[in-house]
Amino acid sequence: MKRPNLLPEDEIQKYLSDLPYWRQEGNSIVREIVAEDFVSAIGIVNSIAIIAESLDHHPDILIYGWNKIRITSSTHDRGGLTELDFQLAKKIENLKIIQKGDL
């Protein structure tokens, strides 16, 4: 499968405007999630793993504390952000994650 090209900064900002929970950090996009509890956090990670596998595009996922998740996406073999990162982010948003602060 042909890998997509890097996105110019204006396209990155356009994509980010539709993803309010995501922010750009260097050559990556990042989202923090505070789950209701540890089991919920693991469930979210497992759901993200299934999505990532279906796209063949795998983010870095950090679980810290007992209920916090940090998702970092970048197209490593391109050295920055491509459409794959934003496809992944949109699919993660479609999970309708309820954060602890939203309860």
N, C-alpha and C. Protein backbone atom coordinates (compact mmCIF):
# COMPACT_ATOMS: atom_id res chain seq x y z
N MET A 1 0.84 -1.17 0.00
CA MET A 1 0.00 0.00 0.00
C MET A 1 0.89 1.24 0.00
N LYS A 2 0.58 2.18 -0.90
CA LYS A 2 1.33 3.42 -0.98
C LYS A 2 1.00 4.30 0.23
N ARG A 3 2.03 4.81 0.87
CA ARG A 3 1.86 5.67 2.03
C ARG A 3 1.58 7.10 1.56
N PRO A 4 0.70 7.82 2.27
CA PRO A 4 0.37 9.19 1.86
C PRO A 4 1.52 10.15 2.12
N ASN A 5 1.47 11.28 1.42
CA ASN A 5 2.49 12.32 1.56
C ASN A 5 2.23 13.15 2.82
N LEU A 6 3.27 13.84 3.27
CA LEU A 6 3.14 14.76 4.39
C LEU A 6 2.16 15.88 4.03
N LEU A 7 1.42 16.32 5.03
CA LEU A 7 0.46 17.40 4.83
C LEU A 7 1.12 18.76 5.08
N PRO A 8 0.74 19.77 4.29
CA PRO A 8 1.22 21.12 4.58
C PRO A 8 0.53 21.65 5.84
N GLU A 9 1.13 22.65 6.47
CA GLU A 9 0.63 23.16 7.75
C GLU A 9 -0.81 23.65 7.67
N ASP A 10 -1.21 24.28 6.57
CA ASP A 10 -2.59 24.78 6.48
C ASP A 10 -3.60 23.64 6.48
N GLU A 11 -3.27 22.52 5.86
CA GLU A 11 -4.17 21.36 5.88
C GLU A 11 -4.21 20.72 7.27
N ILE A 12 -3.08 20.68 7.95
CA ILE A 12 -3.03 20.17 9.32
C ILE A 12 -3.97 20.98 10.20
N GLN A 13 -3.90 22.30 10.10
CA GLN A 13 -4.75 23.16 10.92
C GLN A 13 -6.23 22.98 10.57
N LYS A 14 -6.52 22.76 9.30
CA LYS A 14 -7.91 22.51 8.88
C LYS A 14 -8.43 21.23 9.52
N TYR A 15 -7.66 20.16 9.45
CA TYR A 15 -8.06 18.90 10.08
C TYR A 15 -8.24 19.09 11.59
N LEU A 16 -7.31 19.78 12.23
CA LEU A 16 -7.38 19.98 13.68
C LEU A 16 -8.61 20.79 14.10
N SER A 17 -9.08 21.67 13.23
CA SER A 17 -10.25 22.47 13.57
C SER A 17 -11.50 21.60 13.74
N ASP A 18 -11.48 20.40 13.15
CA ASP A 18 -12.60 19.45 13.29
C ASP A 18 -12.38 18.45 14.42
N LEU A 19 -11.24 18.56 15.11
CA LEU A 19 -10.88 17.62 16.17
C LEU A 19 -10.51 18.40 17.44
N PRO A 20 -11.49 18.91 18.17
CA PRO A 20 -11.20 19.81 19.29
C PRO A 20 -10.41 19.19 20.44
N TYR A 21 -10.42 17.88 20.59
CA TYR A 21 -9.66 17.24 21.68
C TYR A 21 -8.20 16.97 21.31
N TRP A 22 -7.85 17.21 20.07
CA TRP A 22 -6.51 16.93 19.58
C TRP A 22 -5.73 18.23 19.43
N ARG A 23 -4.40 18.12 19.63
CA ARG A 23 -3.52 19.27 19.44
C ARG A 23 -2.25 18.79 18.74
N GLN A 24 -1.61 19.71 18.07
CA GLN A 24 -0.36 19.39 17.40
C GLN A 24 0.79 19.61 18.37
N GLU A 25 1.70 18.67 18.40
CA GLU A 25 2.96 18.79 19.14
C GLU A 25 4.08 18.38 18.20
N GLY A 26 4.74 19.34 17.62
CA GLY A 26 5.80 19.04 16.66
C GLY A 26 5.23 18.34 15.45
N ASN A 27 5.78 17.16 15.15
CA ASN A 27 5.35 16.38 13.98
C ASN A 27 4.28 15.35 14.33
N SER A 28 3.57 15.57 15.42
CA SER A 28 2.56 14.62 15.89
C SER A 28 1.28 15.34 16.28
N ILE A 29 0.20 14.56 16.39
CA ILE A 29 -1.01 15.05 17.03
C ILE A 29 -1.23 14.22 18.29
N VAL A 30 -1.80 14.87 19.31
CA VAL A 30 -1.88 14.26 20.63
C VAL A 30 -3.29 14.47 21.19
N ARG A 31 -3.76 13.45 21.90
CA ARG A 31 -5.02 13.56 22.64
C ARG A 31 -4.85 12.91 24.00
N GLU A 32 -5.34 13.59 25.02
CA GLU A 32 -5.32 13.06 26.38
C GLU A 32 -6.74 12.65 26.75
N ILE A 33 -6.86 11.53 27.42
CA ILE A 33 -8.16 11.03 27.86
C ILE A 33 -8.06 10.67 29.34
N VAL A 34 -9.03 11.09 30.11
CA VAL A 34 -9.14 10.68 31.50
C VAL A 34 -10.36 9.76 31.58
N ALA A 35 -10.11 8.47 31.76
CA ALA A 35 -11.19 7.48 31.80
C ALA A 35 -11.82 7.45 33.19
N GLU A 36 -12.96 6.83 33.27
CA GLU A 36 -13.68 6.73 34.54
C GLU A 36 -12.91 5.89 35.57
N ASP A 37 -12.23 4.85 35.08
CA ASP A 37 -11.48 3.97 35.97
C ASP A 37 -10.44 3.20 35.14
N PHE A 38 -9.66 2.37 35.79
CA PHE A 38 -8.60 1.62 35.11
C PHE A 38 -9.15 0.69 34.04
N VAL A 39 -10.20 -0.03 34.37
CA VAL A 39 -10.78 -0.98 33.40
C VAL A 39 -11.29 -0.24 32.16
N SER A 40 -11.91 0.91 32.36
CA SER A 40 -12.37 1.71 31.22
C SER A 40 -11.20 2.18 30.37
N ALA A 41 -10.12 2.58 31.02
CA ALA A 41 -8.93 3.01 30.29
C ALA A 41 -8.39 1.88 29.41
N ILE A 42 -8.32 0.70 29.95
CA ILE A 42 -7.84 -0.45 29.17
C ILE A 42 -8.79 -0.76 28.03
N GLY A 43 -10.09 -0.65 28.27
CA GLY A 43 -11.08 -0.86 27.21
C GLY A 43 -10.91 0.14 26.08
N ILE A 44 -10.66 1.39 26.42
CA ILE A 44 -10.43 2.41 25.39
C ILE A 44 -9.19 2.07 24.58
N VAL A 45 -8.12 1.68 25.26
CA VAL A 45 -6.88 1.31 24.56
C VAL A 45 -7.13 0.13 23.63
N ASN A 46 -7.87 -0.87 24.09
CA ASN A 46 -8.17 -2.02 23.24
C ASN A 46 -8.98 -1.62 22.01
N SER A 47 -9.93 -0.71 22.18
CA SER A 47 -10.72 -0.23 21.05
C SER A 47 -9.84 0.52 20.05
N ILE A 48 -8.94 1.34 20.56
CA ILE A 48 -8.01 2.07 19.69
C ILE A 48 -7.11 1.09 18.94
N ALA A 49 -6.68 0.03 19.60
CA ALA A 49 -5.82 -0.97 18.97
C ALA A 49 -6.51 -1.62 17.77
N ILE A 50 -7.79 -1.90 17.90
CA ILE A 50 -8.53 -2.51 16.80
C ILE A 50 -8.63 -1.55 15.62
N ILE A 51 -8.92 -0.28 15.91
CA ILE A 51 -8.99 0.73 14.85
C ILE A 51 -7.63 0.87 14.17
N ALA A 52 -6.58 0.99 14.97
CA ALA A 52 -5.23 1.17 14.42
C ALA A 52 -4.83 0.00 13.53
N GLU A 53 -5.15 -1.19 13.97
CA GLU A 53 -4.82 -2.37 13.18
C GLU A 53 -5.57 -2.37 11.85
N SER A 54 -6.83 -1.95 11.86
CA SER A 54 -7.61 -1.92 10.62
C SER A 54 -7.05 -0.91 9.63
N LEU A 55 -6.45 0.16 10.13
CA LEU A 55 -5.84 1.18 9.26
C LEU A 55 -4.38 0.89 8.94
N ASP A 56 -3.79 -0.09 9.62
CA ASP A 56 -2.35 -0.36 9.55
C ASP A 56 -1.57 0.92 9.86
N HIS A 57 -2.04 1.60 10.91
CA HIS A 57 -1.42 2.86 11.35
C HIS A 57 -1.53 2.92 12.86
N HIS A 58 -0.41 2.78 13.54
CA HIS A 58 -0.40 2.53 14.98
C HIS A 58 0.16 3.72 15.75
N PRO A 59 -0.66 4.29 16.64
CA PRO A 59 -0.18 5.42 17.45
C PRO A 59 0.65 4.93 18.64
N ASP A 60 1.35 5.85 19.25
CA ASP A 60 1.97 5.57 20.54
C ASP A 60 0.88 5.79 21.58
N ILE A 61 0.73 4.86 22.50
CA ILE A 61 -0.28 4.95 23.54
C ILE A 61 0.41 4.79 24.89
N LEU A 62 0.18 5.76 25.75
CA LEU A 62 0.74 5.74 27.10
C LEU A 62 -0.41 5.71 28.10
N ILE A 63 -0.39 4.74 28.99
CA ILE A 63 -1.33 4.71 30.10
C ILE A 63 -0.54 5.14 31.33
N TYR A 64 -1.04 6.16 32.02
CA TYR A 64 -0.33 6.63 33.21
C TYR A 64 -1.35 6.94 34.30
N GLY A 65 -0.83 7.04 35.52
CA GLY A 65 -1.77 7.12 36.63
C GLY A 65 -2.56 5.81 36.61
N TRP A 66 -3.76 5.85 36.99
CA TRP A 66 -4.57 4.63 36.93
C TRP A 66 -5.69 4.73 35.92
N ASN A 67 -5.86 5.93 35.31
CA ASN A 67 -6.98 6.08 34.39
C ASN A 67 -6.72 7.09 33.26
N LYS A 68 -5.47 7.43 33.05
CA LYS A 68 -5.15 8.44 32.04
C LYS A 68 -4.46 7.80 30.84
N ILE A 69 -4.83 8.31 29.65
CA ILE A 69 -4.29 7.80 28.39
C ILE A 69 -3.80 8.98 27.57
N ARG A 70 -2.63 8.82 26.98
CA ARG A 70 -2.10 9.81 26.04
C ARG A 70 -1.88 9.09 24.72
N ILE A 71 -2.53 9.60 23.67
CA ILE A 71 -2.41 9.02 22.33
C ILE A 71 -1.60 10.00 21.49
N THR A 72 -0.54 9.51 20.85
CA THR A 72 0.30 10.33 19.99
C THR A 72 0.37 9.66 18.63
N SER A 73 -0.01 10.41 17.60
CA SER A 73 -0.01 9.85 16.25
C SER A 73 0.86 10.68 15.33
N SER A 74 1.67 9.97 14.57
CA SER A 74 2.52 10.55 13.54
C SER A 74 2.81 9.45 12.53
N THR A 75 3.02 9.81 11.30
CA THR A 75 3.39 8.82 10.29
C THR A 75 4.91 8.73 10.30
N HIS A 76 5.41 7.81 11.11
CA HIS A 76 6.85 7.72 11.38
C HIS A 76 7.68 7.56 10.12
N ASP A 77 7.22 6.74 9.18
CA ASP A 77 8.02 6.50 7.98
C ASP A 77 8.02 7.69 7.03
N ARG A 78 7.19 8.70 7.30
CA ARG A 78 7.18 9.94 6.52
C ARG A 78 7.77 11.10 7.31
N GLY A 79 7.93 10.92 8.61
CA GLY A 79 8.53 11.96 9.44
C GLY A 79 7.62 13.11 9.78
N GLY A 80 6.31 12.84 9.83
CA GLY A 80 5.37 13.91 10.17
C GLY A 80 3.93 13.46 10.03
N LEU A 81 3.07 14.41 9.76
CA LEU A 81 1.63 14.14 9.73
C LEU A 81 1.13 13.94 8.30
N THR A 82 0.31 12.89 8.15
CA THR A 82 -0.33 12.59 6.87
C THR A 82 -1.82 12.39 7.12
N GLU A 83 -2.56 12.15 6.07
CA GLU A 83 -3.99 11.90 6.20
C GLU A 83 -4.27 10.71 7.12
N LEU A 84 -3.37 9.75 7.17
CA LEU A 84 -3.57 8.59 8.04
C LEU A 84 -3.74 8.99 9.51
N ASP A 85 -2.98 9.97 9.94
CA ASP A 85 -3.07 10.41 11.34
C ASP A 85 -4.45 10.98 11.64
N PHE A 86 -4.99 11.71 10.70
CA PHE A 86 -6.29 12.32 10.92
C PHE A 86 -7.44 11.32 10.72
N GLN A 87 -7.25 10.35 9.85
CA GLN A 87 -8.24 9.27 9.74
C GLN A 87 -8.32 8.52 11.06
N LEU A 88 -7.16 8.22 11.62
CA LEU A 88 -7.12 7.52 12.90
C LEU A 88 -7.78 8.36 14.00
N ALA A 89 -7.44 9.64 14.06
CA ALA A 89 -8.02 10.51 15.09
C ALA A 89 -9.54 10.57 14.97
N LYS A 90 -10.06 10.69 13.75
CA LYS A 90 -11.51 10.74 13.56
C LYS A 90 -12.18 9.45 14.00
N LYS A 91 -11.56 8.33 13.69
CA LYS A 91 -12.13 7.04 14.11
C LYS A 91 -12.10 6.89 15.64
N ILE A 92 -11.06 7.39 16.26
CA ILE A 92 -11.00 7.36 17.72
C ILE A 92 -12.11 8.24 18.29
N GLU A 93 -12.33 9.41 17.70
CA GLU A 93 -13.41 10.28 18.17
C GLU A 93 -14.78 9.62 18.00
N ASN A 94 -14.93 8.80 16.99
CA ASN A 94 -16.20 8.11 16.76
C ASN A 94 -16.50 7.07 17.83
N LEU A 95 -15.51 6.75 18.67
CA LEU A 95 -15.75 5.82 19.78
C LEU A 95 -16.69 6.44 20.82
N LYS A 96 -16.88 7.75 20.76
CA LYS A 96 -17.74 8.46 21.73
C LYS A 96 -17.26 8.21 23.15
N ILE A 97 -16.00 8.49 23.37
CA ILE A 97 -15.38 8.30 24.67
C ILE A 97 -15.96 9.30 25.67
N ILE A 98 -16.40 8.81 26.80
CA ILE A 98 -16.84 9.68 27.87
C ILE A 98 -15.68 9.84 28.83
N GLN A 99 -15.18 11.07 28.92
CA GLN A 99 -14.09 11.33 29.85
C GLN A 99 -14.63 11.57 31.24
N LYS A 100 -13.81 11.30 32.21
CA LYS A 100 -14.23 11.47 33.60
C LYS A 100 -14.75 12.88 33.85
N GLY A 101 -14.10 13.88 33.27
CA GLY A 101 -14.54 15.26 33.45
C GLY A 101 -15.88 15.56 32.79
N ASP A 102 -16.30 14.71 31.83
CA ASP A 102 -17.56 14.90 31.13
C ASP A 102 -18.74 14.31 31.89
N LEU A 103 -18.47 13.50 32.92
CA LEU A 103 -19.54 12.79 33.61
C LEU A 103 -20.35 13.71 34.50
